[in-house]
Structure formats: C-alpha cells, structure tokens
Amino acid sequence: MTNMSSSYPWLSKHQQSLVQQISTQRLPHALLITGEAGAGKATLALWLAARLACVSVNHGQNVDQSAADIKQAPCGYCKHCKLIASQSFPDLLTIDEGDKTIGIESIRAVTKFLETRPQIASQKTVLIKQVEQLTVAAANALLKTLEEPSLGNTLVLTTNNTESLLPTILSRCQLISLRPLLTEQFKQNIGHQPYANTTYLPELQSAQENQAYEELASATIDLLVGRSNFPLFEQTLLTGDRALIWLERIVSTLSRVNQGWQAPESDKINWHAAQSMDSDTLMRIFQVILSANKRSRDYQQANKDVLTQQLAMTIREIVTV
C-alpha cells in the first residue's frame, strides 16, 4: 500500500498530485479514476482512502519510515491502515458489484453512510467501483449526492468507460486518467509488468499518434477562444481515426478545467485557456460530440467523414452564435 512504484510505476505522479492537493486542502469531494482493466484504478483508490485515514501521516506519529515517506504515503502500520487492509475500516464504504449493475439501493446506502459522523477517523470515504454499471435511477441518485456533498467526506469512483456516464456526473468529479507511458518509455521502464497493453489508447502508442492528439487539442482550443480559423480545426478533426473520441476527451477536460478543476499536467496543451470559455457553450459542444460518437457506434453504416464534417459545422455554429 505504501509503495506502488514497483507494481504500478505510472501511478506515482498521481500519488504526488493527490498528496499536494491534500496538503493544500484542495482535494475535491469527488474523484473519478479512469483506465482499462489492470491499470491500477482500485489500487490508487484504496491508496487514497488509506492516505486520508492514516494516523501516522496525518498526525505525525513515528513509524518505521523516513520523514519523506511519511509525507507521501500511508504508513501501512497504524491502526487505521491495518483496518483498511483487512477491509474492516468503519469509515470506508466500498461498493463493488463486479459485473452486475449497481442499483439505487447501493447509492442509498452511500447516502445513509455519509449522513452519520465518522466513527474513528476525521472523515469518511466512499469507493464505488465500475461506476459505469449504475442503473439510470442509481446514476441520478449519485448525481444528487455529488451536487450536495457532505462536508469533509470524499467519494472516489472508478470506471473503464467514461463514455457511458452522465456528463453531469463527469463534470462534478476530478478526472484521474491512468495512462501508460509511450511505447518505448513503457518498454524501458515497465518491462514485464502485466499492464502492458496500450491498444485502448492509440494516441499513446507512438510519438506520432500522441502529436496528432495534441494538435487536435490545440486546434480545438484555438477555435473555441477565437484564435484559429475553422478550416484548420476541420482538417485536424478529419485526420485521425479516433479523432471523435479524442475530441470528446478534450472538451470534457476543458469543461472540468473551466469549472475550477486542476488542469492536466502538460507543457504542450494550454488547458488553462478553458478558464476564459463560456461554460454553457462548452456543455452544448460536449453534448453534440457525445451524440456524434453515439451515432458512430450505433450505426456501422454511418459515413464517418460526413458525420465528422457535420459535427465540425455544428460546433462552428455554436461558437459563432
């Protein structure tokens, strides 16, 4: 629990970011951890729960760790850490239905759990795994909980598929996207680790694909803030096979940054430009992108180029209104 660098080396930067948010009291009340199976979503979620509960790290008690380690990770030795490891910590509720749907009763249990004071910790934490399995009623109930957060408590959600989630749920969570390194870096740094398949994110398979993703992000941002002409955006959007999926992720990130969430760490993409954008405009654009992606998935006979061109024109109309 204290050191994930050997099993999940790509999680270390997320640990550091979370520790920084905790230390500056800027950790949001809801986080959504995304990534494919084996990416370490549950591991990072449990690590965060332990970090929030750990007596040693939060109260400075002495354990068999260096001062630097204590600041970074849960100790694994205190009473709270041991209870979490044994799945008996009273101030942590985990919802894990496996491959079954998550019904409204489970979310009602979450609401009831958060209504009472912590038993032994300073706050309560809820982990909901595979949140894409929520029924419609459960998703709406969870949304209400996210809209009316209880003071000092933290909800950590995990998912393999953000596309199936309500945009309103996405917008109320800080997104933590677990993504492997570029292929060559991945081979050099990870070697024989079990999570060695990057095919679910082709933009990370090579520097060329990654550059295409960054170019689309930059073209999208430039269009939305009025710095670029429409043909450049349309041409960039028509270039990649996964451009529609990329665009959904880009606008979703812009919407979250616009609402005050921390921007992803990137030297090449100016996510901070989102702060000057109109939130309603971003939401309208996000909705039409979701609709286009749904049509692309549901109707195999759909002409992707025509669909993409129609989407680009719709976005231009929204921006120029």
Protein backbone atom coordinates (compact mmCIF):
# COMPACT_ATOMS: atom_id res chain seq x y z
CA MET A 1 0.00 0.00 0.00
CA THR A 2 2.80 2.39 0.85
CA ASN A 3 4.79 1.90 -2.34
CA MET A 4 3.19 1.24 -5.69
CA SER A 5 6.22 2.17 -7.78
CA SER A 6 7.28 -1.43 -8.37
CA SER A 7 3.86 -2.75 -9.44
CA TYR A 8 2.31 0.37 -10.96
CA PRO A 9 5.10 2.87 -11.77
CA TRP A 10 2.73 5.08 -13.79
CA LEU A 11 0.71 5.83 -10.63
CA SER A 12 3.48 7.72 -8.83
CA LYS A 13 2.72 11.08 -10.46
CA HIS A 14 -0.92 10.73 -9.45
CA GLN A 15 0.12 9.96 -5.87
CA GLN A 16 2.26 13.09 -5.79
CA SER A 17 -0.54 15.23 -7.20
CA LEU A 18 -3.05 13.88 -4.67
CA VAL A 19 -0.65 14.43 -1.78
CA GLN A 20 -0.16 18.02 -2.92
CA GLN A 21 -3.92 18.58 -3.05
CA ILE A 22 -4.38 17.05 0.39
CA SER A 23 -1.58 19.12 1.92
CA THR A 24 -3.03 22.34 0.49
CA GLN A 25 -6.60 21.33 1.39
CA ARG A 26 -7.64 21.41 -2.26
CA LEU A 27 -8.69 17.80 -2.69
CA PRO A 28 -12.18 17.81 -4.28
CA HIS A 29 -15.03 15.91 -2.68
CA ALA A 30 -15.37 13.62 -5.72
CA LEU A 31 -12.76 11.98 -7.94
CA LEU A 32 -13.21 9.70 -10.95
CA ILE A 33 -10.34 7.32 -11.74
CA THR A 34 -10.43 6.00 -15.31
CA GLY A 35 -8.42 3.41 -17.20
CA GLU A 36 -8.55 -0.06 -18.64
CA ALA A 37 -8.66 -3.25 -16.55
CA GLY A 38 -5.28 -3.73 -14.87
CA ALA A 39 -4.37 -0.04 -14.92
CA GLY A 40 -4.41 0.18 -11.13
CA LYS A 41 -7.66 2.08 -10.58
CA ALA A 42 -8.69 0.14 -7.47
CA THR A 43 -5.13 0.24 -6.16
CA LEU A 44 -4.92 4.02 -6.44
CA ALA A 45 -8.41 4.44 -4.97
CA LEU A 46 -7.57 2.31 -1.94
CA TRP A 47 -4.22 4.09 -1.57
CA LEU A 48 -6.04 7.42 -1.44
CA ALA A 49 -8.52 6.11 1.13
CA ALA A 50 -5.62 4.92 3.28
CA ARG A 51 -3.76 8.21 2.80
CA LEU A 52 -6.78 10.14 4.03
CA ALA A 53 -7.22 7.85 7.04
CA CYS A 54 -3.61 7.11 8.07
CA VAL A 55 -2.92 8.20 11.65
CA SER A 56 0.84 8.40 11.16
CA VAL A 57 0.87 10.56 8.05
CA ASN A 58 -1.89 12.87 9.24
CA HIS A 59 -0.78 13.28 12.84
CA GLY A 60 2.98 12.86 12.52
CA GLN A 61 3.41 9.77 14.69
CA ASN A 62 6.68 7.87 14.40
CA VAL A 63 6.73 4.70 12.35
CA ASP A 64 9.44 2.79 10.55
CA GLN A 65 9.60 5.20 7.62
CA SER A 66 11.60 8.25 6.73
CA ALA A 67 10.04 11.68 7.11
CA ALA A 68 9.80 11.98 3.33
CA ASP A 69 7.93 8.68 3.07
CA ILE A 70 5.50 9.72 5.81
CA LYS A 71 4.60 12.85 3.87
CA GLN A 72 3.96 10.85 0.72
CA ALA A 73 2.24 7.59 1.61
CA PRO A 74 0.07 5.87 4.21
CA CYS A 75 2.31 4.05 6.67
CA GLY A 76 0.65 0.64 6.46
CA TYR A 77 1.30 0.03 10.18
CA CYS A 78 -1.09 2.21 12.15
CA LYS A 79 -4.49 1.00 13.33
CA HIS A 80 -6.35 2.71 10.51
CA CYS A 81 -4.09 1.34 7.79
CA LYS A 82 -4.37 -2.19 9.18
CA LEU A 83 -8.16 -1.95 9.34
CA ILE A 84 -8.28 -0.78 5.73
CA ALA A 85 -6.01 -3.64 4.68
CA SER A 86 -8.31 -6.11 6.43
CA GLN A 87 -11.39 -4.49 4.83
CA SER A 88 -12.85 -3.64 8.24
CA PHE A 89 -12.29 0.12 8.49
CA PRO A 90 -15.63 1.55 9.70
CA ASP A 91 -15.24 4.91 7.96
CA LEU A 92 -14.69 3.45 4.50
CA LEU A 93 -17.57 2.14 2.40
CA THR A 94 -16.82 0.19 -0.78
CA ILE A 95 -19.45 -0.50 -3.43
CA ASP A 96 -18.26 -3.32 -5.69
CA GLU A 97 -20.89 -5.29 -7.60
CA GLY A 98 -18.45 -6.87 -10.03
CA ASP A 99 -20.09 -7.27 -13.43
CA LYS A 100 -23.60 -6.76 -12.03
CA THR A 101 -25.46 -3.48 -12.23
CA ILE A 102 -25.27 -1.05 -9.33
CA GLY A 103 -28.82 -0.38 -8.18
CA ILE A 104 -30.35 2.55 -6.38
CA GLU A 105 -30.26 0.69 -3.04
CA SER A 106 -26.46 0.76 -3.16
CA ILE A 107 -26.45 4.53 -3.66
CA ARG A 108 -28.99 4.95 -0.87
CA ALA A 109 -26.56 3.05 1.34
CA VAL A 110 -23.89 5.56 0.34
CA THR A 111 -26.16 8.47 1.26
CA LYS A 112 -27.01 6.92 4.63
CA PHE A 113 -23.33 6.18 5.31
CA LEU A 114 -22.35 9.80 4.65
CA GLU A 115 -25.13 11.21 6.82
CA THR A 116 -23.53 10.00 10.06
CA ARG A 117 -20.33 11.17 11.72
CA PRO A 118 -17.08 9.19 11.32
CA GLN A 119 -16.52 6.54 13.98
CA ILE A 120 -12.74 6.69 14.38
CA ALA A 121 -11.35 8.84 11.56
CA SER A 122 -11.67 12.55 10.83
CA GLN A 123 -13.70 11.91 7.68
CA LYS A 124 -15.46 9.22 5.68
CA THR A 125 -14.53 7.86 2.27
CA VAL A 126 -16.68 6.02 -0.27
CA LEU A 127 -15.23 3.91 -3.10
CA ILE A 128 -17.60 2.99 -5.93
CA LYS A 129 -16.00 0.61 -8.41
CA GLN A 130 -17.10 0.29 -12.04
CA VAL A 131 -19.45 3.24 -11.79
CA GLU A 132 -20.44 2.71 -15.42
CA GLN A 133 -22.59 -0.17 -14.09
CA LEU A 134 -25.02 2.26 -12.42
CA THR A 135 -28.67 1.94 -13.37
CA VAL A 136 -30.38 5.13 -14.52
CA ALA A 137 -32.07 5.55 -11.14
CA ALA A 138 -28.80 4.91 -9.30
CA ALA A 139 -26.92 7.38 -11.53
CA ASN A 140 -29.49 10.08 -10.79
CA ALA A 141 -29.29 9.35 -7.06
CA LEU A 142 -25.49 9.54 -7.18
CA LEU A 143 -25.71 12.83 -9.06
CA LYS A 144 -27.77 14.28 -6.22
CA THR A 145 -25.10 13.19 -3.74
CA LEU A 146 -22.42 14.82 -5.88
CA GLU A 147 -24.44 18.02 -6.13
CA GLU A 148 -24.94 18.17 -2.36
CA PRO A 149 -21.61 16.93 -0.93
CA SER A 150 -21.28 16.30 2.78
CA LEU A 151 -18.56 18.42 4.33
CA GLY A 152 -15.16 16.76 4.66
CA ASN A 153 -16.05 13.44 3.04
CA THR A 154 -14.59 12.05 -0.18
CA LEU A 155 -16.13 9.95 -2.95
CA VAL A 156 -13.78 8.01 -5.22
CA LEU A 157 -15.29 6.47 -8.34
CA THR A 158 -13.62 4.16 -10.85
CA THR A 159 -14.62 3.29 -14.40
CA ASN A 160 -13.40 1.56 -17.53
CA ASN A 161 -15.66 3.66 -19.75
CA THR A 162 -16.40 7.35 -19.23
CA GLU A 163 -18.49 7.44 -22.40
CA SER A 164 -21.37 5.67 -20.65
CA LEU A 165 -21.51 8.13 -17.74
CA LEU A 166 -23.83 11.11 -17.44
CA PRO A 167 -22.00 14.31 -18.47
CA THR A 168 -23.27 15.90 -15.26
CA ILE A 169 -21.52 13.21 -13.21
CA LEU A 170 -18.31 13.73 -15.18
CA SER A 171 -18.45 17.48 -14.66
CA ARG A 172 -18.70 17.12 -10.88
CA CYS A 173 -15.66 14.87 -10.49
CA GLN A 174 -11.98 15.50 -10.82
CA LEU A 175 -10.77 13.11 -13.51
CA ILE A 176 -7.68 10.99 -12.93
CA SER A 177 -6.85 9.19 -16.16
CA LEU A 178 -4.46 6.27 -15.70
CA ARG A 179 -2.48 6.00 -18.88
CA PRO A 180 0.73 4.12 -19.62
CA LEU A 181 3.83 5.77 -20.99
CA LEU A 182 4.59 5.99 -24.68
CA THR A 183 5.54 2.62 -26.09
CA GLU A 184 9.33 2.96 -25.95
CA GLN A 185 9.28 4.51 -22.50
CA PHE A 186 6.83 1.83 -21.45
CA LYS A 187 9.13 -0.98 -22.56
CA GLN A 188 12.16 0.61 -20.90
CA ASN A 189 10.51 1.47 -17.59
CA ILE A 190 7.97 -1.29 -17.09
CA GLY A 191 9.31 -4.33 -18.89
CA HIS A 192 7.23 -7.38 -17.99
CA GLN A 193 4.52 -5.68 -15.96
CA PRO A 194 1.06 -7.20 -16.51
CA TYR A 195 -0.44 -3.92 -17.72
CA ALA A 196 1.47 -3.83 -20.98
CA ASN A 197 -1.33 -3.29 -23.49
CA THR A 198 -1.68 0.27 -24.77
CA THR A 199 -4.03 -0.53 -27.65
CA TYR A 200 -7.00 1.06 -25.92
CA LEU A 201 -5.34 4.45 -26.33
CA PRO A 202 -3.64 4.53 -29.74
CA GLU A 203 -2.69 8.17 -29.18
CA LEU A 204 -0.16 6.88 -26.65
CA GLN A 205 1.29 4.09 -28.76
CA SER A 206 3.73 6.32 -30.59
CA ALA A 207 5.04 9.85 -30.55
CA GLN A 208 3.33 10.41 -33.91
CA GLU A 209 -0.12 9.48 -32.58
CA ASN A 210 0.47 11.49 -29.44
CA GLN A 211 1.40 14.51 -31.54
CA ALA A 212 -1.81 14.12 -33.57
CA TYR A 213 -3.82 14.14 -30.34
CA GLU A 214 -2.03 17.26 -29.11
CA GLU A 215 -2.57 19.00 -32.46
CA LEU A 216 -6.30 18.31 -32.28
CA ALA A 217 -6.41 19.60 -28.71
CA SER A 218 -4.60 22.79 -29.68
CA ALA A 219 -6.78 23.33 -32.77
CA THR A 220 -9.92 22.80 -30.69
CA ILE A 221 -8.83 25.25 -28.01
CA ASP A 222 -7.80 27.84 -30.61
CA LEU A 223 -11.19 27.58 -32.31
CA LEU A 224 -13.12 27.90 -29.06
CA VAL A 225 -11.23 31.00 -27.94
CA GLY A 226 -11.32 32.62 -31.39
CA ARG A 227 -7.63 32.26 -32.25
CA SER A 228 -7.94 29.96 -35.28
CA ASN A 229 -9.97 29.66 -38.46
CA PHE A 230 -12.47 26.87 -38.92
CA PRO A 231 -10.75 25.02 -41.83
CA LEU A 232 -7.74 24.19 -39.64
CA PHE A 233 -9.96 22.67 -36.96
CA GLU A 234 -11.98 20.69 -39.52
CA GLN A 235 -8.87 19.38 -41.27
CA THR A 236 -7.32 18.30 -37.97
CA LEU A 237 -10.55 16.63 -36.89
CA LEU A 238 -10.72 14.61 -40.13
CA THR A 239 -7.13 13.38 -39.81
CA GLY A 240 -7.23 10.72 -37.07
CA ASP A 241 -9.26 7.51 -36.95
CA ARG A 242 -10.09 8.16 -33.28
CA ALA A 243 -10.50 11.92 -33.59
CA LEU A 244 -14.13 11.89 -32.41
CA ILE A 245 -13.16 10.02 -29.24
CA TRP A 246 -10.21 12.34 -28.75
CA LEU A 247 -12.45 15.38 -29.20
CA GLU A 248 -14.86 14.10 -26.56
CA ARG A 249 -12.00 13.71 -24.09
CA ILE A 250 -10.58 17.13 -24.96
CA VAL A 251 -13.85 19.03 -24.50
CA SER A 252 -14.65 17.07 -21.34
CA THR A 253 -11.29 18.15 -19.91
CA LEU A 254 -11.88 21.75 -20.97
CA SER A 255 -15.26 21.72 -19.24
CA ARG A 256 -13.79 20.45 -15.98
CA VAL A 257 -10.94 22.99 -16.04
CA ASN A 258 -13.49 25.70 -16.81
CA GLN A 259 -15.35 24.74 -13.63
CA GLY A 260 -12.24 25.03 -11.50
CA TRP A 261 -10.68 21.57 -11.51
CA GLN A 262 -6.94 21.21 -11.75
CA ALA A 263 -5.66 21.15 -15.34
CA PRO A 264 -3.82 18.01 -16.51
CA GLU A 265 -0.08 18.30 -16.35
CA SER A 266 1.02 19.18 -19.87
CA ASP A 267 3.56 21.56 -21.33
CA LYS A 268 2.14 21.37 -24.84
CA ILE A 269 -1.60 21.81 -24.36
CA ASN A 270 -2.92 25.09 -23.00
CA TRP A 271 -5.75 23.69 -20.89
CA HIS A 272 -5.82 26.92 -18.88
CA ALA A 273 -7.39 28.69 -21.85
CA ALA A 274 -10.58 26.91 -20.80
CA GLN A 275 -10.95 29.31 -17.90
CA SER A 276 -11.95 32.07 -20.32
CA MET A 277 -14.56 29.96 -22.12
CA ASP A 278 -18.31 30.08 -21.59
CA SER A 279 -19.40 27.04 -19.57
CA ASP A 280 -22.78 26.74 -21.30
CA THR A 281 -21.09 26.77 -24.70
CA LEU A 282 -18.70 24.02 -23.62
CA MET A 283 -21.60 21.90 -22.37
CA ARG A 284 -23.52 22.34 -25.63
CA ILE A 285 -20.46 21.32 -27.62
CA PHE A 286 -19.88 18.33 -25.35
CA GLN A 287 -23.47 17.18 -25.87
CA VAL A 288 -23.22 17.27 -29.69
CA ILE A 289 -19.92 15.38 -29.55
CA LEU A 290 -21.49 12.70 -27.35
CA SER A 291 -24.36 12.43 -29.82
CA ALA A 292 -21.98 12.08 -32.77
CA ASN A 293 -19.94 9.39 -31.03
CA LYS A 294 -23.12 7.50 -30.15
CA ARG A 295 -24.29 7.60 -33.77
CA SER A 296 -20.87 6.42 -34.90
CA ARG A 297 -21.03 3.43 -32.54
CA ASP A 298 -24.68 2.53 -33.07
CA TYR A 299 -24.79 2.76 -36.85
CA GLN A 300 -21.95 0.92 -38.53
CA GLN A 301 -23.10 2.12 -41.96
CA ALA A 302 -22.70 5.77 -40.98
CA ASN A 303 -20.26 7.68 -43.18
CA LYS A 304 -17.66 8.80 -40.67
CA ASP A 305 -16.30 11.66 -42.78
CA VAL A 306 -19.77 13.09 -43.34
CA LEU A 307 -20.58 12.65 -39.65
CA THR A 308 -17.36 14.40 -38.66
CA GLN A 309 -17.93 17.28 -41.08
CA GLN A 310 -21.46 17.76 -39.78
CA LEU A 311 -20.14 17.79 -36.23
CA ALA A 312 -17.45 20.34 -37.09
CA MET A 313 -20.04 22.64 -38.69
CA THR A 314 -22.35 22.30 -35.69
CA ILE A 315 -19.51 23.24 -33.34
CA ARG A 316 -18.70 26.26 -35.51
CA GLU A 317 -22.34 27.38 -35.34
CA ILE A 318 -22.34 27.07 -31.55
CA VAL A 319 -19.09 29.00 -31.21
CA THR A 320 -20.12 31.83 -33.54
CA VAL A 321 -23.59 32.41 -32.05
